[in-house]
Amino acid sequence: MSHRDRLRLALAAVVGAVAFVVVALVSTRTGAGVSVDATVRGWILNGVPAALRQGLDHVARPLVIVVLAPVVVVLALLALVRRSWRRAVAGLVVPAASTIVALEVRVRDVFGIGGDAFPSNHAAAGIGLLVGVSVVWPRPVTRRGLVALTVAAVVVALGNVTWYAHQPRDVLGSLLLVGTVTAATVAVLGGDAANLDDDLDDDVSRSAGRDDGAPG
């Protein structure tokens, strides 16, 4: 990973943090934001059958976290054995830091929302663990793996809304939080911390504006 790529990741982390704050404020302190949030929640609750909504809730809240947490720990230890310490550290830091920050923001009511739902700590933990698994997975993440990760993240996000646990804004905040923590962690660690397949890594770097001749 080049120095330029790490700087871009650091910038992405800053942008993600700003977006996190903007979502919190706009969705709770503006009429348009509150209306959009309520409308999206209504679509989900009225458009998805009750049995499926409850099933998504069970999968997203207890099951994903209980299943993936030990998987991440075991794979991180294996990564250490293989001397991929950056991936091991990133795989553990992303879900842990995302969950801790989410809990702190809620408990301290940082944005003065008056409740303790933003952001969703279950969504932050679940999505953070999905990122952790992808980072410490023995093989680099391919395009198919990225698609699978995205689908799983959507399931976790929906599952935290479908059975009245959270508003969409809470889950969107968690997504932005995990993205911010991931970008910052990979920027700091560098090396193979992202664990991306070479073709996917090239695509990501190209989309970020890196010259074709820049070092990887």
N, C-alpha and C. Protein backbone atom coordinates (compact mmCIF):
# COMPACT_ATOMS: atom_id res chain seq x y z
N MET A 1 0.85 -1.20 0.00
CA MET A 1 0.00 0.00 0.00
C MET A 1 0.88 1.24 0.00
N SER A 2 0.64 2.13 -0.97
CA SER A 2 1.46 3.32 -1.09
C SER A 2 1.08 4.36 -0.04
N HIS A 3 2.01 5.31 0.14
CA HIS A 3 1.76 6.41 1.08
C HIS A 3 0.54 7.21 0.64
N ARG A 4 0.38 7.37 -0.68
CA ARG A 4 -0.76 8.11 -1.20
C ARG A 4 -2.07 7.41 -0.87
N ASP A 5 -2.09 6.09 -0.99
CA ASP A 5 -3.31 5.33 -0.66
C ASP A 5 -3.66 5.49 0.81
N ARG A 6 -2.65 5.48 1.66
CA ARG A 6 -2.92 5.62 3.09
C ARG A 6 -3.48 7.01 3.41
N LEU A 7 -2.98 8.02 2.72
CA LEU A 7 -3.51 9.36 2.91
C LEU A 7 -4.97 9.44 2.46
N ARG A 8 -5.27 8.77 1.34
CA ARG A 8 -6.65 8.78 0.85
C ARG A 8 -7.58 8.07 1.83
N LEU A 9 -7.09 6.99 2.42
CA LEU A 9 -7.90 6.29 3.42
C LEU A 9 -8.12 7.17 4.65
N ALA A 10 -7.09 7.89 5.04
CA ALA A 10 -7.23 8.81 6.17
C ALA A 10 -8.27 9.89 5.85
N LEU A 11 -8.23 10.39 4.61
CA LEU A 11 -9.22 11.39 4.20
C LEU A 11 -10.62 10.78 4.20
N ALA A 12 -10.73 9.52 3.73
CA ALA A 12 -12.02 8.84 3.74
C ALA A 12 -12.55 8.70 5.16
N ALA A 13 -11.66 8.45 6.11
CA ALA A 13 -12.07 8.34 7.51
C ALA A 13 -12.62 9.68 8.02
N VAL A 14 -11.97 10.76 7.64
CA VAL A 14 -12.44 12.09 8.05
C VAL A 14 -13.81 12.39 7.45
N VAL A 15 -13.96 12.08 6.15
CA VAL A 15 -15.24 12.29 5.47
C VAL A 15 -16.33 11.44 6.13
N GLY A 16 -16.00 10.19 6.47
CA GLY A 16 -16.96 9.32 7.12
C GLY A 16 -17.39 9.85 8.48
N ALA A 17 -16.43 10.39 9.23
CA ALA A 17 -16.75 10.95 10.54
C ALA A 17 -17.67 12.16 10.42
N VAL A 18 -17.39 13.00 9.43
CA VAL A 18 -18.24 14.17 9.19
C VAL A 18 -19.65 13.73 8.79
N ALA A 19 -19.73 12.74 7.91
CA ALA A 19 -21.03 12.23 7.47
C ALA A 19 -21.81 11.64 8.64
N PHE A 20 -21.11 10.99 9.55
CA PHE A 20 -21.73 10.42 10.75
C PHE A 20 -22.41 11.51 11.57
N VAL A 21 -21.69 12.61 11.78
CA VAL A 21 -22.24 13.74 12.55
C VAL A 21 -23.41 14.37 11.82
N VAL A 22 -23.27 14.54 10.50
CA VAL A 22 -24.33 15.16 9.71
C VAL A 22 -25.61 14.33 9.77
N VAL A 23 -25.48 13.01 9.62
CA VAL A 23 -26.65 12.13 9.68
C VAL A 23 -27.34 12.25 11.04
N ALA A 24 -26.56 12.28 12.11
CA ALA A 24 -27.13 12.38 13.45
C ALA A 24 -27.93 13.66 13.61
N LEU A 25 -27.37 14.77 13.14
CA LEU A 25 -28.02 16.06 13.33
C LEU A 25 -29.20 16.26 12.39
N VAL A 26 -29.00 15.94 11.11
CA VAL A 26 -30.06 16.17 10.12
C VAL A 26 -31.27 15.27 10.40
N SER A 27 -31.01 14.01 10.77
CA SER A 27 -32.12 13.06 10.95
C SER A 27 -32.90 13.28 12.24
N THR A 28 -32.39 14.11 13.14
CA THR A 28 -33.08 14.33 14.41
C THR A 28 -33.48 15.78 14.65
N ARG A 29 -32.85 16.72 13.93
CA ARG A 29 -33.10 18.12 14.22
C ARG A 29 -33.69 18.90 13.06
N THR A 30 -33.99 18.21 11.98
CA THR A 30 -34.65 18.89 10.85
C THR A 30 -35.94 18.14 10.51
N GLY A 31 -36.94 18.89 10.10
CA GLY A 31 -38.20 18.26 9.75
C GLY A 31 -38.06 17.28 8.61
N ALA A 32 -37.28 17.65 7.59
CA ALA A 32 -37.08 16.77 6.44
C ALA A 32 -36.38 15.48 6.85
N GLY A 33 -35.37 15.61 7.69
CA GLY A 33 -34.62 14.43 8.14
C GLY A 33 -35.49 13.48 8.93
N VAL A 34 -36.27 14.01 9.85
CA VAL A 34 -37.17 13.18 10.66
C VAL A 34 -38.21 12.51 9.77
N SER A 35 -38.70 13.23 8.79
CA SER A 35 -39.72 12.70 7.89
C SER A 35 -39.17 11.56 7.04
N VAL A 36 -37.99 11.77 6.48
CA VAL A 36 -37.37 10.72 5.66
C VAL A 36 -37.11 9.47 6.49
N ASP A 37 -36.60 9.66 7.69
CA ASP A 37 -36.31 8.53 8.58
C ASP A 37 -37.58 7.74 8.88
N ALA A 38 -38.65 8.45 9.19
CA ALA A 38 -39.92 7.79 9.51
C ALA A 38 -40.50 7.09 8.28
N THR A 39 -40.34 7.72 7.12
CA THR A 39 -40.87 7.12 5.88
C THR A 39 -40.16 5.82 5.55
N VAL A 40 -38.84 5.82 5.63
CA VAL A 40 -38.05 4.61 5.35
C VAL A 40 -38.41 3.51 6.34
N ARG A 41 -38.56 3.86 7.58
CA ARG A 41 -38.94 2.87 8.59
C ARG A 41 -40.32 2.29 8.28
N GLY A 42 -41.24 3.14 7.85
CA GLY A 42 -42.57 2.68 7.48
C GLY A 42 -42.53 1.71 6.31
N TRP A 43 -41.70 2.02 5.30
CA TRP A 43 -41.56 1.12 4.16
C TRP A 43 -41.10 -0.27 4.61
N ILE A 44 -40.12 -0.28 5.51
CA ILE A 44 -39.56 -1.57 5.97
C ILE A 44 -40.60 -2.35 6.78
N LEU A 45 -41.23 -1.67 7.72
CA LEU A 45 -42.18 -2.35 8.60
C LEU A 45 -43.45 -2.78 7.87
N ASN A 46 -43.87 -2.02 6.88
CA ASN A 46 -45.09 -2.35 6.16
C ASN A 46 -44.85 -3.19 4.91
N GLY A 47 -43.62 -3.17 4.42
CA GLY A 47 -43.34 -3.87 3.17
C GLY A 47 -42.76 -5.26 3.33
N VAL A 48 -42.30 -5.60 4.54
CA VAL A 48 -41.71 -6.91 4.77
C VAL A 48 -42.64 -7.72 5.67
N PRO A 49 -42.95 -8.96 5.31
CA PRO A 49 -43.84 -9.79 6.14
C PRO A 49 -43.32 -9.92 7.57
N ALA A 50 -44.23 -10.01 8.53
CA ALA A 50 -43.87 -10.03 9.94
C ALA A 50 -42.92 -11.17 10.28
N ALA A 51 -43.18 -12.36 9.74
CA ALA A 51 -42.31 -13.51 10.06
C ALA A 51 -40.89 -13.27 9.58
N LEU A 52 -40.75 -12.69 8.39
CA LEU A 52 -39.42 -12.40 7.86
C LEU A 52 -38.76 -11.29 8.65
N ARG A 53 -39.55 -10.29 9.04
CA ARG A 53 -38.99 -9.20 9.85
C ARG A 53 -38.43 -9.72 11.17
N GLN A 54 -39.17 -10.60 11.81
CA GLN A 54 -38.71 -11.15 13.08
C GLN A 54 -37.49 -12.04 12.88
N GLY A 55 -37.49 -12.81 11.79
CA GLY A 55 -36.34 -13.65 11.49
C GLY A 55 -35.08 -12.83 11.25
N LEU A 56 -35.22 -11.73 10.52
CA LEU A 56 -34.07 -10.85 10.28
C LEU A 56 -33.56 -10.26 11.58
N ASP A 57 -34.48 -9.93 12.48
CA ASP A 57 -34.09 -9.40 13.78
C ASP A 57 -33.25 -10.42 14.56
N HIS A 58 -33.70 -11.67 14.59
CA HIS A 58 -32.97 -12.71 15.31
C HIS A 58 -31.59 -12.94 14.71
N VAL A 59 -31.51 -12.91 13.38
CA VAL A 59 -30.23 -13.13 12.71
C VAL A 59 -29.28 -11.96 12.97
N ALA A 60 -29.80 -10.75 12.81
CA ALA A 60 -28.95 -9.57 12.86
C ALA A 60 -28.48 -9.22 14.27
N ARG A 61 -29.32 -9.47 15.26
CA ARG A 61 -28.96 -8.99 16.59
C ARG A 61 -28.19 -10.03 17.41
N PRO A 62 -28.77 -11.14 17.84
CA PRO A 62 -27.91 -12.03 18.63
C PRO A 62 -27.04 -12.96 17.79
N LEU A 63 -27.60 -13.53 16.70
CA LEU A 63 -26.94 -14.64 16.03
C LEU A 63 -25.63 -14.24 15.35
N VAL A 64 -25.65 -13.19 14.54
CA VAL A 64 -24.46 -12.78 13.82
C VAL A 64 -23.31 -12.48 14.77
N ILE A 65 -23.62 -11.77 15.85
CA ILE A 65 -22.57 -11.40 16.80
C ILE A 65 -22.02 -12.61 17.53
N VAL A 66 -22.91 -13.49 18.00
CA VAL A 66 -22.48 -14.68 18.73
C VAL A 66 -21.64 -15.61 17.86
N VAL A 67 -22.02 -15.73 16.60
CA VAL A 67 -21.31 -16.65 15.70
C VAL A 67 -19.99 -16.06 15.22
N LEU A 68 -20.00 -14.79 14.83
CA LEU A 68 -18.83 -14.21 14.20
C LEU A 68 -17.73 -13.79 15.17
N ALA A 69 -18.07 -13.43 16.39
CA ALA A 69 -17.05 -12.98 17.34
C ALA A 69 -15.95 -14.02 17.56
N PRO A 70 -16.29 -15.27 17.90
CA PRO A 70 -15.22 -16.27 18.06
C PRO A 70 -14.51 -16.59 16.76
N VAL A 71 -15.22 -16.51 15.63
CA VAL A 71 -14.58 -16.76 14.33
C VAL A 71 -13.49 -15.73 14.07
N VAL A 72 -13.78 -14.47 14.34
CA VAL A 72 -12.79 -13.42 14.13
C VAL A 72 -11.57 -13.64 15.02
N VAL A 73 -11.80 -13.99 16.28
CA VAL A 73 -10.68 -14.21 17.21
C VAL A 73 -9.80 -15.36 16.73
N VAL A 74 -10.41 -16.47 16.34
CA VAL A 74 -9.64 -17.63 15.88
C VAL A 74 -8.86 -17.29 14.61
N LEU A 75 -9.51 -16.65 13.65
CA LEU A 75 -8.83 -16.31 12.41
C LEU A 75 -7.73 -15.27 12.64
N ALA A 76 -7.93 -14.38 13.60
CA ALA A 76 -6.89 -13.40 13.92
C ALA A 76 -5.66 -14.09 14.50
N LEU A 77 -5.88 -15.09 15.34
CA LEU A 77 -4.76 -15.85 15.89
C LEU A 77 -4.02 -16.60 14.79
N LEU A 78 -4.76 -17.16 13.84
CA LEU A 78 -4.13 -17.85 12.71
C LEU A 78 -3.33 -16.87 11.86
N ALA A 79 -3.86 -15.65 11.70
CA ALA A 79 -3.14 -14.63 10.94
C ALA A 79 -1.82 -14.28 11.63
N LEU A 80 -1.85 -14.23 12.96
CA LEU A 80 -0.62 -13.96 13.70
C LEU A 80 0.40 -15.08 13.49
N VAL A 81 -0.08 -16.31 13.51
CA VAL A 81 0.81 -17.45 13.28
C VAL A 81 1.46 -17.34 11.90
N ARG A 82 0.70 -16.85 10.94
CA ARG A 82 1.22 -16.69 9.58
C ARG A 82 1.97 -15.37 9.41
N ARG A 83 2.19 -14.66 10.49
CA ARG A 83 2.94 -13.41 10.51
C ARG A 83 2.24 -12.28 9.76
N SER A 84 0.94 -12.36 9.67
CA SER A 84 0.16 -11.25 9.09
C SER A 84 -0.42 -10.42 10.24
N TRP A 85 0.47 -9.80 11.00
CA TRP A 85 0.05 -9.12 12.21
C TRP A 85 -0.85 -7.92 11.93
N ARG A 86 -0.63 -7.25 10.80
CA ARG A 86 -1.48 -6.10 10.48
C ARG A 86 -2.93 -6.52 10.30
N ARG A 87 -3.13 -7.63 9.58
CA ARG A 87 -4.49 -8.12 9.38
C ARG A 87 -5.11 -8.57 10.70
N ALA A 88 -4.31 -9.22 11.54
CA ALA A 88 -4.82 -9.67 12.84
C ALA A 88 -5.27 -8.49 13.69
N VAL A 89 -4.45 -7.46 13.73
CA VAL A 89 -4.79 -6.27 14.51
C VAL A 89 -6.03 -5.58 13.94
N ALA A 90 -6.07 -5.40 12.62
CA ALA A 90 -7.21 -4.75 11.99
C ALA A 90 -8.50 -5.54 12.22
N GLY A 91 -8.40 -6.87 12.10
CA GLY A 91 -9.58 -7.70 12.28
C GLY A 91 -10.18 -7.62 13.66
N LEU A 92 -9.35 -7.37 14.66
CA LEU A 92 -9.83 -7.24 16.03
C LEU A 92 -10.23 -5.81 16.38
N VAL A 93 -9.47 -4.85 15.86
CA VAL A 93 -9.70 -3.45 16.21
C VAL A 93 -11.00 -2.92 15.62
N VAL A 94 -11.27 -3.26 14.35
CA VAL A 94 -12.45 -2.68 13.69
C VAL A 94 -13.75 -2.99 14.44
N PRO A 95 -14.07 -4.28 14.72
CA PRO A 95 -15.33 -4.52 15.44
C PRO A 95 -15.30 -4.01 16.88
N ALA A 96 -14.15 -4.15 17.55
CA ALA A 96 -14.08 -3.71 18.95
C ALA A 96 -14.23 -2.20 19.06
N ALA A 97 -13.46 -1.46 18.26
CA ALA A 97 -13.52 0.01 18.32
C ALA A 97 -14.88 0.53 17.88
N SER A 98 -15.45 -0.08 16.83
CA SER A 98 -16.77 0.37 16.35
C SER A 98 -17.82 0.21 17.43
N THR A 99 -17.80 -0.93 18.11
CA THR A 99 -18.79 -1.19 19.16
C THR A 99 -18.61 -0.26 20.35
N ILE A 100 -17.37 -0.06 20.75
CA ILE A 100 -17.08 0.80 21.90
C ILE A 100 -17.49 2.25 21.63
N VAL A 101 -17.14 2.74 20.44
CA VAL A 101 -17.50 4.12 20.09
C VAL A 101 -19.02 4.27 20.03
N ALA A 102 -19.70 3.29 19.43
CA ALA A 102 -21.17 3.34 19.35
C ALA A 102 -21.78 3.40 20.74
N LEU A 103 -21.30 2.59 21.64
CA LEU A 103 -21.82 2.58 23.01
C LEU A 103 -21.55 3.90 23.72
N GLU A 104 -20.35 4.45 23.53
CA GLU A 104 -20.00 5.71 24.18
C GLU A 104 -20.87 6.85 23.68
N VAL A 105 -21.08 6.90 22.35
CA VAL A 105 -21.91 7.96 21.78
C VAL A 105 -23.33 7.88 22.32
N ARG A 106 -23.84 6.65 22.46
CA ARG A 106 -25.21 6.47 22.96
C ARG A 106 -25.31 6.83 24.44
N VAL A 107 -24.42 6.29 25.23
CA VAL A 107 -24.49 6.50 26.69
C VAL A 107 -24.32 7.97 27.04
N ARG A 108 -23.41 8.64 26.36
CA ARG A 108 -23.14 10.05 26.66
C ARG A 108 -24.10 11.00 25.94
N ASP A 109 -24.95 10.44 25.08
CA ASP A 109 -25.90 11.25 24.31
C ASP A 109 -25.18 12.44 23.70
N VAL A 110 -24.13 12.14 22.93
CA VAL A 110 -23.24 13.15 22.37
C VAL A 110 -23.99 14.20 21.55
N PHE A 111 -25.02 13.78 20.83
CA PHE A 111 -25.72 14.69 19.93
C PHE A 111 -26.97 15.31 20.55
N GLY A 112 -27.19 15.03 21.82
CA GLY A 112 -28.34 15.60 22.49
C GLY A 112 -29.67 15.14 21.93
N ILE A 113 -29.70 13.91 21.47
CA ILE A 113 -30.92 13.37 20.88
C ILE A 113 -31.97 13.07 21.94
N GLY A 114 -31.49 12.79 23.15
CA GLY A 114 -32.42 12.52 24.23
C GLY A 114 -32.76 11.06 24.39
N GLY A 115 -32.12 10.21 23.63
CA GLY A 115 -32.33 8.77 23.74
C GLY A 115 -30.99 8.06 23.67
N ASP A 116 -31.04 6.74 23.65
CA ASP A 116 -29.78 6.02 23.61
C ASP A 116 -29.74 5.03 22.44
N ALA A 117 -30.37 5.42 21.32
CA ALA A 117 -30.47 4.49 20.18
C ALA A 117 -29.51 4.81 19.05
N PHE A 118 -28.95 6.02 19.00
CA PHE A 118 -28.05 6.39 17.90
C PHE A 118 -26.61 6.40 18.37
N PRO A 119 -25.73 5.68 17.66
CA PRO A 119 -26.02 4.70 16.61
C PRO A 119 -26.35 3.34 17.23
N SER A 120 -26.76 2.39 16.41
CA SER A 120 -27.09 1.05 16.91
C SER A 120 -25.81 0.29 17.24
N ASN A 121 -25.65 -0.09 18.51
CA ASN A 121 -24.44 -0.84 18.87
C ASN A 121 -24.48 -2.26 18.31
N HIS A 122 -25.69 -2.84 18.18
CA HIS A 122 -25.80 -4.17 17.59
C HIS A 122 -25.39 -4.14 16.11
N ALA A 123 -25.83 -3.11 15.39
CA ALA A 123 -25.45 -2.99 13.99
C ALA A 123 -23.96 -2.72 13.85
N ALA A 124 -23.42 -1.87 14.71
CA ALA A 124 -21.99 -1.57 14.67
C ALA A 124 -21.17 -2.83 14.94
N ALA A 125 -21.60 -3.62 15.93
CA ALA A 125 -20.89 -4.86 16.25
C ALA A 125 -20.99 -5.87 15.11
N GLY A 126 -22.21 -6.06 14.59
CA GLY A 126 -22.41 -7.04 13.53
C GLY A 126 -21.67 -6.69 12.26
N ILE A 127 -21.79 -5.45 11.81
CA ILE A 127 -21.11 -5.03 10.58
C ILE A 127 -19.60 -4.98 10.80
N GLY A 128 -19.19 -4.54 11.99
CA GLY A 128 -17.76 -4.53 12.30
C GLY A 128 -17.16 -5.93 12.28
N LEU A 129 -17.91 -6.91 12.77
CA LEU A 129 -17.44 -8.29 12.74
C LEU A 129 -17.37 -8.83 11.32
N LEU A 130 -18.31 -8.44 10.47
CA LEU A 130 -18.24 -8.85 9.07
C LEU A 130 -16.97 -8.32 8.42
N VAL A 131 -16.64 -7.07 8.70
CA VAL A 131 -15.39 -6.50 8.18
C VAL A 131 -14.20 -7.25 8.78
N GLY A 132 -14.29 -7.54 10.08
CA GLY A 132 -13.20 -8.27 10.73
C GLY A 132 -12.95 -9.62 10.09
N VAL A 133 -14.02 -10.35 9.79
CA VAL A 133 -13.87 -11.66 9.13
C VAL A 133 -13.20 -11.51 7.78
N SER A 134 -13.61 -10.51 7.01
CA SER A 134 -13.02 -10.32 5.69
C SER A 134 -11.54 -9.98 5.77
N VAL A 135 -11.16 -9.25 6.82
CA VAL A 135 -9.76 -8.85 6.97
C VAL A 135 -8.87 -10.02 7.36
N VAL A 136 -9.35 -10.87 8.26
CA VAL A 136 -8.51 -11.97 8.75
C VAL A 136 -8.75 -13.28 8.00
N TRP A 137 -9.62 -13.24 7.00
CA TRP A 137 -9.86 -14.45 6.20
C TRP A 137 -8.56 -14.91 5.56
N PRO A 138 -8.29 -16.22 5.51
CA PRO A 138 -7.01 -16.73 5.00
C PRO A 138 -6.69 -16.33 3.57
N ARG A 139 -7.71 -16.06 2.76
CA ARG A 139 -7.50 -15.66 1.37
C ARG A 139 -7.93 -14.21 1.18
N PRO A 140 -7.32 -13.51 0.24
CA PRO A 140 -7.71 -12.13 -0.04
C PRO A 140 -9.16 -12.04 -0.50
N VAL A 141 -9.82 -10.95 -0.18
CA VAL A 141 -11.21 -10.74 -0.55
C VAL A 141 -11.31 -10.45 -2.05
N THR A 142 -12.16 -11.21 -2.75
CA THR A 142 -12.40 -11.01 -4.17
C THR A 142 -13.66 -10.18 -4.38
N ARG A 143 -14.00 -9.94 -5.64
CA ARG A 143 -15.23 -9.21 -5.93
C ARG A 143 -16.44 -9.96 -5.37
N ARG A 144 -16.46 -11.28 -5.56
CA ARG A 144 -17.57 -12.07 -5.04
C ARG A 144 -17.63 -11.98 -3.52
N GLY A 145 -16.48 -12.01 -2.90
CA GLY A 145 -16.45 -11.88 -1.44
C GLY A 145 -16.96 -10.53 -0.99
N LEU A 146 -16.64 -9.49 -1.75
CA LEU A 146 -17.11 -8.15 -1.40
C LEU A 146 -18.62 -8.06 -1.56
N VAL A 147 -19.16 -8.70 -2.60
CA VAL A 147 -20.61 -8.73 -2.79
C VAL A 147 -21.29 -9.45 -1.63
N ALA A 148 -20.72 -10.61 -1.24
CA ALA A 148 -21.28 -11.37 -0.13
C ALA A 148 -21.24 -10.55 1.16
N LEU A 149 -20.14 -9.85 1.38
CA LEU A 149 -20.01 -9.00 2.57
C LEU A 149 -21.06 -7.90 2.56
N THR A 150 -21.28 -7.30 1.40
CA THR A 150 -22.27 -6.23 1.28
C THR A 150 -23.67 -6.74 1.57
N VAL A 151 -24.01 -7.91 1.01
CA VAL A 151 -25.33 -8.50 1.24
C VAL A 151 -25.53 -8.79 2.73
N ALA A 152 -24.51 -9.37 3.35
CA ALA A 152 -24.60 -9.69 4.78
C ALA A 152 -24.76 -8.41 5.61
N ALA A 153 -24.06 -7.35 5.22
CA ALA A 153 -24.18 -6.08 5.95
C ALA A 153 -25.59 -5.50 5.82
N VAL A 154 -26.18 -5.64 4.63
CA VAL A 154 -27.55 -5.17 4.42
C VAL A 154 -28.53 -5.95 5.30
N VAL A 155 -28.30 -7.26 5.41
CA VAL A 155 -29.16 -8.09 6.27
C VAL A 155 -29.06 -7.63 7.72
N VAL A 156 -27.84 -7.39 8.18
CA VAL A 156 -27.64 -6.91 9.55
C VAL A 156 -28.32 -5.55 9.74
N ALA A 157 -28.16 -4.68 8.77
CA ALA A 157 -28.77 -3.35 8.86
C ALA A 157 -30.28 -3.44 8.93
N LEU A 158 -30.88 -4.20 8.01
CA LEU A 158 -32.34 -4.36 8.01
C LEU A 158 -32.83 -5.02 9.29
N GLY A 159 -32.11 -6.02 9.74
CA GLY A 159 -32.53 -6.76 10.91
C GLY A 159 -32.59 -5.94 12.18
N ASN A 160 -31.85 -4.85 12.19
CA ASN A 160 -31.89 -3.98 13.36
C ASN A 160 -33.03 -2.96 13.31
N VAL A 161 -33.78 -2.97 12.20
CA VAL A 161 -34.93 -2.07 12.06
C VAL A 161 -36.24 -2.85 12.04
N THR A 162 -36.20 -4.08 11.49
CA THR A 162 -37.44 -4.79 11.16
C THR A 162 -38.32 -5.15 12.35
N TRP A 163 -37.77 -5.27 13.56
CA TRP A 163 -38.59 -5.64 14.71
C TRP A 163 -38.58 -4.54 15.76
N TYR A 164 -38.62 -3.27 15.26
CA TYR A 164 -38.83 -2.08 16.10
C TYR A 164 -37.66 -1.75 17.03
N ALA A 165 -36.48 -2.33 16.80
CA ALA A 165 -35.35 -2.05 17.70
C ALA A 165 -34.74 -0.68 17.43
N HIS A 166 -34.67 -0.29 16.16
CA HIS A 166 -34.00 0.96 15.81
C HIS A 166 -34.68 1.67 14.66
N GLN A 167 -34.36 2.94 14.54
CA GLN A 167 -34.73 3.74 13.38
C GLN A 167 -33.67 3.52 12.29
N PRO A 168 -34.02 3.74 11.04
CA PRO A 168 -33.01 3.63 9.96
C PRO A 168 -31.79 4.51 10.20
N ARG A 169 -32.01 5.71 10.79
CA ARG A 169 -30.88 6.61 11.03
C ARG A 169 -29.84 5.96 11.96
N ASP A 170 -30.30 5.16 12.92
CA ASP A 170 -29.39 4.53 13.86
C ASP A 170 -28.46 3.55 13.15
N VAL A 171 -29.04 2.82 12.19
CA VAL A 171 -28.27 1.83 11.44
C VAL A 171 -27.34 2.50 10.44
N LEU A 172 -27.84 3.56 9.78
CA LEU A 172 -26.99 4.31 8.86
C LEU A 172 -25.80 4.89 9.60
N GLY A 173 -26.05 5.39 10.81
CA GLY A 173 -24.95 5.90 11.63
C GLY A 173 -23.93 4.82 11.93
N SER A 174 -24.40 3.60 12.20
CA SER A 174 -23.49 2.49 12.48
C SER A 174 -22.66 2.13 11.25
N LEU A 175 -23.30 2.13 10.08
CA LEU A 175 -22.57 1.85 8.83
C LEU A 175 -21.46 2.86 8.61
N LEU A 176 -21.78 4.13 8.81
CA LEU A 176 -20.77 5.18 8.63
C LEU A 176 -19.67 5.06 9.68
N LEU A 177 -20.05 4.71 10.89
CA LEU A 177 -19.07 4.56 11.96
C LEU A 177 -18.09 3.43 11.65
N VAL A 178 -18.61 2.28 11.24
CA VAL A 178 -17.73 1.14 10.91
C VAL A 178 -16.84 1.49 9.72
N GLY A 179 -17.41 2.15 8.72
CA GLY A 179 -16.61 2.55 7.57
C GLY A 179 -15.49 3.49 7.96
N THR A 180 -15.79 4.42 8.86
CA THR A 180 -14.78 5.38 9.34
C THR A 180 -13.67 4.66 10.10
N VAL A 181 -14.05 3.78 11.01
CA VAL A 181 -13.06 3.04 11.80
C VAL A 181 -12.20 2.15 10.90
N THR A 182 -12.84 1.51 9.92
CA THR A 182 -12.11 0.63 9.00
C THR A 182 -11.08 1.42 8.20
N ALA A 183 -11.51 2.53 7.62
CA ALA A 183 -10.60 3.35 6.81
C ALA A 183 -9.44 3.87 7.66
N ALA A 184 -9.73 4.34 8.87
CA ALA A 184 -8.69 4.86 9.74
C ALA A 184 -7.71 3.77 10.16
N THR A 185 -8.24 2.59 10.48
CA THR A 185 -7.39 1.48 10.92
C THR A 185 -6.45 1.02 9.81
N VAL A 186 -6.98 0.84 8.61
CA VAL A 186 -6.16 0.40 7.48
C VAL A 186 -5.14 1.48 7.11
N ALA A 187 -5.54 2.75 7.21
CA ALA A 187 -4.61 3.84 6.91
C ALA A 187 -3.43 3.84 7.87
N VAL A 188 -3.69 3.59 9.13
CA VAL A 188 -2.63 3.57 10.14
C VAL A 188 -1.72 2.35 9.97
N LEU A 189 -2.31 1.19 9.74
CA LEU A 189 -1.53 -0.05 9.68
C LEU A 189 -0.83 -0.23 8.34
N GLY A 190 -1.49 0.13 7.25
CA GLY A 190 -0.90 -0.04 5.93
C GLY A 190 -0.66 -1.50 5.59
N GLY A 191 0.29 -1.75 4.73
CA GLY A 191 0.65 -3.12 4.36
C GLY A 191 -0.51 -3.90 3.79
N ASP A 192 -0.68 -5.14 4.30
CA ASP A 192 -1.74 -6.02 3.80
C ASP A 192 -2.99 -5.96 4.67
N ALA A 193 -3.15 -4.90 5.45
CA ALA A 193 -4.26 -4.83 6.40
C ALA A 193 -5.62 -4.92 5.72
N ALA A 194 -5.74 -4.42 4.48
CA ALA A 194 -7.03 -4.44 3.81
C ALA A 194 -7.40 -5.83 3.31
N ASN A 195 -6.41 -6.68 3.06
CA ASN A 195 -6.62 -8.07 2.61
C ASN A 195 -7.50 -8.15 1.36
N LEU A 196 -7.20 -7.30 0.38
CA LEU A 196 -7.97 -7.30 -0.86
C LEU A 196 -7.22 -8.06 -1.95
N ASP A 197 -7.97 -8.75 -2.79
CA ASP A 197 -7.42 -9.39 -3.97
C ASP A 197 -6.75 -8.33 -4.84
N ASP A 198 -5.68 -8.70 -5.56
CA ASP A 198 -4.92 -7.72 -6.34
C ASP A 198 -5.80 -6.96 -7.32
N ASP A 199 -6.68 -7.67 -8.03
CA ASP A 199 -7.55 -7.00 -9.00
C ASP A 199 -8.50 -6.02 -8.31
N LEU A 200 -9.06 -6.44 -7.18
CA LEU A 200 -9.97 -5.58 -6.45
C LEU A 200 -9.23 -4.39 -5.87
N ASP A 201 -8.01 -4.63 -5.37
CA ASP A 201 -7.20 -3.55 -4.83
C ASP A 201 -6.88 -2.52 -5.90
N ASP A 202 -6.59 -3.00 -7.12
CA ASP A 202 -6.32 -2.08 -8.22
C ASP A 202 -7.55 -1.25 -8.57
N ASP A 203 -8.71 -1.92 -8.54
CA ASP A 203 -9.96 -1.21 -8.84
C ASP A 203 -10.24 -0.13 -7.81
N VAL A 204 -10.04 -0.47 -6.54
CA VAL A 204 -10.27 0.50 -5.47
C VAL A 204 -9.31 1.68 -5.59
N SER A 205 -8.04 1.37 -5.87
CA SER A 205 -7.04 2.43 -6.00
C SER A 205 -7.33 3.31 -7.20
N ARG A 206 -7.78 2.69 -8.31
CA ARG A 206 -8.09 3.44 -9.52
C ARG A 206 -9.28 4.37 -9.28
N SER A 207 -10.29 3.86 -8.57
CA SER A 207 -11.47 4.67 -8.29
C SER A 207 -11.14 5.83 -7.37
N ALA A 208 -10.07 5.65 -6.56
CA ALA A 208 -9.63 6.73 -5.67
C ALA A 208 -8.72 7.72 -6.39
N GLY A 209 -8.40 7.40 -7.67
CA GLY A 209 -7.63 8.36 -8.45
C GLY A 209 -6.15 8.10 -8.48
N ARG A 210 -5.72 6.88 -8.09
CA ARG A 210 -4.29 6.61 -8.08
C ARG A 210 -3.83 6.39 -9.51
N ASP A 211 -2.66 6.92 -9.87
CA ASP A 211 -2.09 6.70 -11.19
C ASP A 211 -1.73 5.25 -11.36
N ASP A 212 -1.87 4.74 -12.59
CA ASP A 212 -1.59 3.33 -12.85
C ASP A 212 -0.16 2.96 -12.51
N GLY A 213 0.72 3.94 -12.62
CA GLY A 213 2.12 3.62 -12.37
C GLY A 213 2.53 3.76 -10.92
N ALA A 214 1.60 4.13 -10.05
CA ALA A 214 1.95 4.31 -8.63
C ALA A 214 2.23 2.97 -8.00
N PRO A 215 3.15 2.92 -7.04
CA PRO A 215 3.47 1.65 -6.38
C PRO A 215 2.32 1.15 -5.56
N GLY A 216 2.21 -0.18 -5.39
CA GLY A 216 1.13 -0.77 -4.62
C GLY A 216 1.43 -0.85 -3.17
